Amino acid sequence: MLLFLCLSALLALLLSRQIIGPIKVLSAAAGRISQGDLNTEIEATGPNELYELGHTLQSMTRRLKEIIAILERSEFPERRACRTLAAPCRYQRE
């Protein structure tokens, strides 16, 4: 019985680390993106749901960069909005 409890605890520890690690990585990346760092590299790893979340963050960041580039090329008043939005960002054209 004691052996079963010890093995169960060890298995729970290993599984939690497998989930918590990718969550911490994605959380840190999301924090950098929220501060304007659109060049943040996001590694999509972990169980299916976490992999999908990482992939979605990558897609969102890529689309934000595209939208900012479109607005920067614009000659309309929206361009001023883009400058205002992008000013605090560390976004750099690649």
C-alpha atoms as a PDB file:
ATOM      1  CA  MET A   1       0.000   0.000   0.000  1.00  0.00           C
ATOM      2  CA  LEU A   2       2.799   2.413   0.927  1.00  0.00           C
ATOM      3  CA  LEU A   3       4.624   1.566  -2.293  1.00  0.00           C
ATOM      4  CA  PHE A   4       1.487   2.363  -4.285  1.00  0.00           C
ATOM      5  CA  LEU A   5       1.152   5.747  -2.548  1.00  0.00           C
ATOM      6  CA  CYS A   6       4.804   6.586  -3.212  1.00  0.00           C
ATOM      7  CA  LEU A   7       4.531   5.621  -6.881  1.00  0.00           C
ATOM      8  CA  SER A   8       1.325   7.639  -7.216  1.00  0.00           C
ATOM      9  CA  ALA A   9       2.960  10.689  -5.663  1.00  0.00           C
ATOM     10  CA  LEU A  10       5.975  10.356  -7.959  1.00  0.00           C
ATOM     11  CA  LEU A  11       3.740  10.019 -11.019  1.00  0.00           C
ATOM     12  CA  ALA A  12       1.705  13.066  -9.963  1.00  0.00           C
ATOM     13  CA  LEU A  13       4.909  15.089  -9.515  1.00  0.00           C
ATOM     14  CA  LEU A  14       6.229  14.120 -12.946  1.00  0.00           C
ATOM     15  CA  LEU A  15       2.928  14.885 -14.670  1.00  0.00           C
ATOM     16  CA  SER A  16       2.565  18.246 -12.938  1.00  0.00           C
ATOM     17  CA  ARG A  17       6.070  19.295 -14.005  1.00  0.00           C
ATOM     18  CA  GLN A  18       5.275  18.297 -17.584  1.00  0.00           C
ATOM     19  CA  ILE A  19       2.293  20.663 -17.532  1.00  0.00           C
ATOM     20  CA  ILE A  20       3.559  23.492 -15.315  1.00  0.00           C
ATOM     21  CA  GLY A  21       6.804  24.024 -17.271  1.00  0.00           C
ATOM     22  CA  PRO A  22       5.121  24.863 -20.592  1.00  0.00           C
ATOM     23  CA  ILE A  23       2.523  27.018 -18.790  1.00  0.00           C
ATOM     24  CA  LYS A  24       5.287  29.113 -17.212  1.00  0.00           C
ATOM     25  CA  VAL A  25       7.028  29.519 -20.583  1.00  0.00           C
ATOM     26  CA  LEU A  26       3.790  30.579 -22.315  1.00  0.00           C
ATOM     27  CA  SER A  27       2.899  32.932 -19.466  1.00  0.00           C
ATOM     28  CA  ALA A  28       6.295  34.653 -19.667  1.00  0.00           C
ATOM     29  CA  ALA A  29       5.990  34.987 -23.454  1.00  0.00           C
ATOM     30  CA  ALA A  30       2.470  36.423 -23.152  1.00  0.00           C
ATOM     31  CA  GLY A  31       3.780  38.938 -20.610  1.00  0.00           C
ATOM     32  CA  ARG A  32       6.530  40.105 -22.985  1.00  0.00           C
ATOM     33  CA  ILE A  33       4.021  40.383 -25.838  1.00  0.00           C
ATOM     34  CA  SER A  34       1.652  42.409 -23.655  1.00  0.00           C
ATOM     35  CA  GLN A  35       4.539  44.827 -23.011  1.00  0.00           C
ATOM     36  CA  GLY A  36       4.955  45.315 -26.757  1.00  0.00           C
ATOM     37  CA  ASP A  37       7.740  42.866 -27.577  1.00  0.00           C
ATOM     38  CA  LEU A  38       6.268  41.391 -30.753  1.00  0.00           C
ATOM     39  CA  ASN A  39       9.549  39.672 -31.581  1.00  0.00           C
ATOM     40  CA  THR A  40       9.097  37.253 -28.698  1.00  0.00           C
ATOM     41  CA  GLU A  41       9.839  33.685 -29.706  1.00  0.00           C
ATOM     42  CA  ILE A  42       7.127  31.297 -28.576  1.00  0.00           C
ATOM     43  CA  GLU A  43       7.906  27.620 -28.376  1.00  0.00           C
ATOM     44  CA  ALA A  44       4.728  25.592 -28.791  1.00  0.00           C
ATOM     45  CA  THR A  45       5.317  22.533 -26.612  1.00  0.00           C
ATOM     46  CA  GLY A  46       3.531  20.418 -24.065  1.00  0.00           C
ATOM     47  CA  PRO A  47       0.269  18.519 -24.116  1.00  0.00           C
ATOM     48  CA  ASN A  48      -2.153  19.173 -26.968  1.00  0.00           C
ATOM     49  CA  GLU A  49      -3.960  22.095 -25.333  1.00  0.00           C
ATOM     50  CA  LEU A  50      -0.726  23.872 -24.406  1.00  0.00           C
ATOM     51  CA  TYR A  51       0.712  23.245 -27.852  1.00  0.00           C
ATOM     52  CA  GLU A  52      -2.408  24.801 -29.382  1.00  0.00           C
ATOM     53  CA  LEU A  53      -2.166  27.781 -27.033  1.00  0.00           C
ATOM     54  CA  GLY A  54       1.479  28.337 -27.992  1.00  0.00           C
ATOM     55  CA  HIS A  55       0.628  28.078 -31.676  1.00  0.00           C
ATOM     56  CA  THR A  56      -2.259  30.545 -31.206  1.00  0.00           C
ATOM     57  CA  LEU A  57       0.060  33.037 -29.464  1.00  0.00           C
ATOM     58  CA  GLN A  58       2.492  32.731 -32.379  1.00  0.00           C
ATOM     59  CA  SER A  59      -0.312  33.400 -34.875  1.00  0.00           C
ATOM     60  CA  MET A  60      -1.622  36.355 -32.861  1.00  0.00           C
ATOM     61  CA  THR A  61       1.828  37.945 -32.651  1.00  0.00           C
ATOM     62  CA  ARG A  62       2.454  37.449 -36.358  1.00  0.00           C
ATOM     63  CA  ARG A  63      -0.923  39.032 -37.198  1.00  0.00           C
ATOM     64  CA  LEU A  64      -0.291  42.004 -34.887  1.00  0.00           C
ATOM     65  CA  LYS A  65       3.004  42.640 -36.671  1.00  0.00           C
ATOM     66  CA  GLU A  66       1.225  42.498 -40.040  1.00  0.00           C
ATOM     67  CA  ILE A  67      -1.465  44.943 -38.896  1.00  0.00           C
ATOM     68  CA  ILE A  68       1.124  47.385 -37.532  1.00  0.00           C
ATOM     69  CA  ALA A  69       3.078  47.191 -40.816  1.00  0.00           C
ATOM     70  CA  ILE A  70      -0.088  47.903 -42.822  1.00  0.00           C
ATOM     71  CA  LEU A  71      -0.954  50.870 -40.627  1.00  0.00           C
ATOM     72  CA  GLU A  72       2.602  52.216 -40.821  1.00  0.00           C
ATOM     73  CA  ARG A  73       2.370  52.229 -44.632  1.00  0.00           C
ATOM     74  CA  SER A  74      -1.008  53.941 -44.521  1.00  0.00           C
ATOM     75  CA  GLU A  75      -1.379  57.633 -45.299  1.00  0.00           C
ATOM     76  CA  PHE A  76      -4.643  57.918 -43.411  1.00  0.00           C
ATOM     77  CA  PRO A  77      -5.349  59.160 -39.878  1.00  0.00           C
ATOM     78  CA  GLU A  78      -5.089  55.570 -38.690  1.00  0.00           C
ATOM     79  CA  ARG A  79      -1.353  55.914 -39.204  1.00  0.00           C
ATOM     80  CA  ARG A  80      -1.210  58.317 -36.285  1.00  0.00           C
ATOM     81  CA  ALA A  81      -3.066  55.754 -34.210  1.00  0.00           C
ATOM     82  CA  CYS A  82      -0.491  53.167 -35.208  1.00  0.00           C
ATOM     83  CA  ARG A  83       2.353  55.433 -34.136  1.00  0.00           C
ATOM     84  CA  THR A  84       0.605  56.029 -30.828  1.00  0.00           C
ATOM     85  CA  LEU A  85       0.015  52.318 -30.296  1.00  0.00           C
ATOM     86  CA  ALA A  86       3.466  51.263 -31.424  1.00  0.00           C
ATOM     87  CA  ALA A  87       5.404  54.002 -29.612  1.00  0.00           C
ATOM     88  CA  PRO A  88       5.840  52.121 -26.338  1.00  0.00           C
ATOM     89  CA  CYS A  89       6.488  48.888 -28.206  1.00  0.00           C
ATOM     90  CA  ARG A  90       9.875  47.417 -28.815  1.00  0.00           C
ATOM     91  CA  TYR A  91       8.612  46.232 -32.189  1.00  0.00           C
ATOM     92  CA  GLN A  92      11.281  46.267 -34.845  1.00  0.00           C
ATOM     93  CA  ARG A  93      10.717  45.599 -38.512  1.00  0.00           C
ATOM     94  CA  GLU A  94      12.492  42.457 -39.592  1.00  0.00           C
END
